[in-house]
Amino acid sequence: MVTGRTELEHVLTRLEMLLNDVWDQRPAGVAVSATEPLVSLGVDSLTLALLLDNVGREFHIDWTAGTRLGGAISLRSIADLVLRRDGGAAAAAEA
């Protein structure tokens, strides 16, 4: 079972991969920081919506079931939402 820091790292890695899948207009050479606001990186609202849709499918999260998406401003904050909604078992299910 994957726990703690390793679990967070796993979720962040998957989130960055999912972001790359939907981010058509990613500026060349832009490094993705897990804590930097996605809007500061150049992610638009459509890309964020696509990302959250893929995150929901990947981690089996129903975003309409009372999840406050206002906190989804960075990959780290999305990872925290995933881990909180999943009871901390997101990475274990993926491993």
Protein backbone atom coordinates (compact mmCIF):
# COMPACT_ATOMS: atom_id res chain seq x y z
CA MET A 1 0.00 0.00 0.00
CA VAL A 2 1.23 3.48 -0.86
CA THR A 3 0.90 6.07 1.89
CA GLY A 4 1.80 9.58 3.00
CA ARG A 5 4.26 11.57 0.92
CA THR A 6 4.59 8.84 -1.70
CA GLU A 7 0.83 8.85 -2.26
CA LEU A 8 0.81 12.63 -2.74
CA GLU A 9 3.72 12.39 -5.18
CA HIS A 10 1.91 9.68 -7.13
CA VAL A 11 -1.27 11.75 -7.40
CA LEU A 12 0.71 14.86 -8.44
CA THR A 13 2.50 12.88 -11.14
CA ARG A 14 -0.82 11.59 -12.51
CA LEU A 15 -2.32 15.09 -12.39
CA GLU A 16 0.58 16.52 -14.38
CA MET A 17 0.15 13.76 -16.96
CA LEU A 18 -3.59 14.44 -17.17
CA LEU A 19 -2.90 18.17 -17.54
CA ASN A 20 -0.47 17.49 -20.38
CA ASP A 21 -3.16 15.41 -22.11
CA VAL A 22 -5.65 18.32 -22.22
CA TRP A 23 -3.36 21.38 -22.39
CA ASP A 24 -3.18 22.10 -26.11
CA GLN A 25 -1.82 25.61 -25.72
CA ARG A 26 0.98 24.85 -23.25
CA PRO A 27 3.74 27.41 -23.73
CA ALA A 28 7.07 25.88 -24.70
CA GLY A 29 9.48 25.54 -21.83
CA VAL A 30 6.93 26.23 -19.09
CA ALA A 31 7.73 24.12 -16.06
CA VAL A 32 4.73 23.02 -14.06
CA SER A 33 4.97 23.78 -10.36
CA ALA A 34 2.53 21.84 -8.21
CA THR A 35 1.85 24.88 -6.03
CA GLU A 36 1.66 27.61 -8.66
CA PRO A 37 -1.87 28.66 -9.63
CA LEU A 38 -2.82 27.01 -12.91
CA VAL A 39 -4.02 30.35 -14.30
CA SER A 40 -0.54 31.79 -13.73
CA LEU A 41 0.85 28.96 -15.84
CA GLY A 42 -1.52 29.89 -18.67
CA VAL A 43 -4.21 27.26 -18.13
CA ASP A 44 -7.58 28.58 -19.30
CA SER A 45 -10.99 27.67 -17.89
CA LEU A 46 -11.78 25.14 -20.64
CA THR A 47 -8.52 23.30 -20.02
CA LEU A 48 -9.21 23.30 -16.28
CA ALA A 49 -12.70 21.88 -16.90
CA LEU A 50 -11.25 19.14 -19.12
CA LEU A 51 -8.60 18.39 -16.51
CA LEU A 52 -11.15 18.08 -13.72
CA ASP A 53 -13.34 15.86 -15.89
CA ASN A 54 -10.38 13.53 -16.50
CA VAL A 55 -9.40 13.65 -12.82
CA GLY A 56 -12.95 12.63 -11.91
CA ARG A 57 -12.81 9.66 -14.25
CA GLU A 58 -9.28 8.64 -13.23
CA PHE A 59 -9.92 8.77 -9.49
CA HIS A 60 -13.66 7.93 -9.55
CA ILE A 61 -14.76 11.27 -8.14
CA ASP A 62 -18.21 12.70 -8.73
CA TRP A 63 -17.50 16.44 -8.71
CA THR A 64 -21.22 17.22 -8.50
CA ALA A 65 -21.61 15.48 -5.15
CA GLY A 66 -20.89 18.53 -3.01
CA THR A 67 -17.23 19.03 -3.87
CA ARG A 68 -16.17 22.65 -3.69
CA LEU A 69 -14.10 23.23 -6.80
CA GLY A 70 -13.13 26.74 -5.77
CA GLY A 71 -10.06 25.22 -4.16
CA ALA A 72 -8.89 23.69 -7.43
CA ILE A 73 -6.35 26.40 -8.23
CA SER A 74 -3.14 24.36 -8.47
CA LEU A 75 -2.14 20.76 -9.02
CA ARG A 76 -1.40 20.51 -5.30
CA SER A 77 -4.85 21.76 -4.34
CA ILE A 78 -6.47 19.32 -6.80
CA ALA A 79 -4.32 16.52 -5.34
CA ASP A 80 -5.53 17.48 -1.86
CA LEU A 81 -9.15 17.30 -3.10
CA VAL A 82 -8.49 13.88 -4.66
CA LEU A 83 -6.87 12.51 -1.52
CA ARG A 84 -9.55 13.96 0.77
CA ARG A 85 -12.43 12.66 -1.37
CA ASP A 86 -10.75 9.30 -1.76
CA GLY A 87 -9.97 8.84 1.91
CA GLY A 88 -6.27 8.78 1.10
CA ALA A 89 -6.40 5.61 -0.98
CA ALA A 90 -6.08 7.12 -4.47
CA ALA A 91 -2.56 5.97 -5.12
CA ALA A 92 -3.15 2.54 -3.63
CA ALA A 93 -5.90 1.94 -6.16
CA GLU A 94 -3.61 3.03 -9.00
CA ALA A 95 -0.52 1.08 -7.87
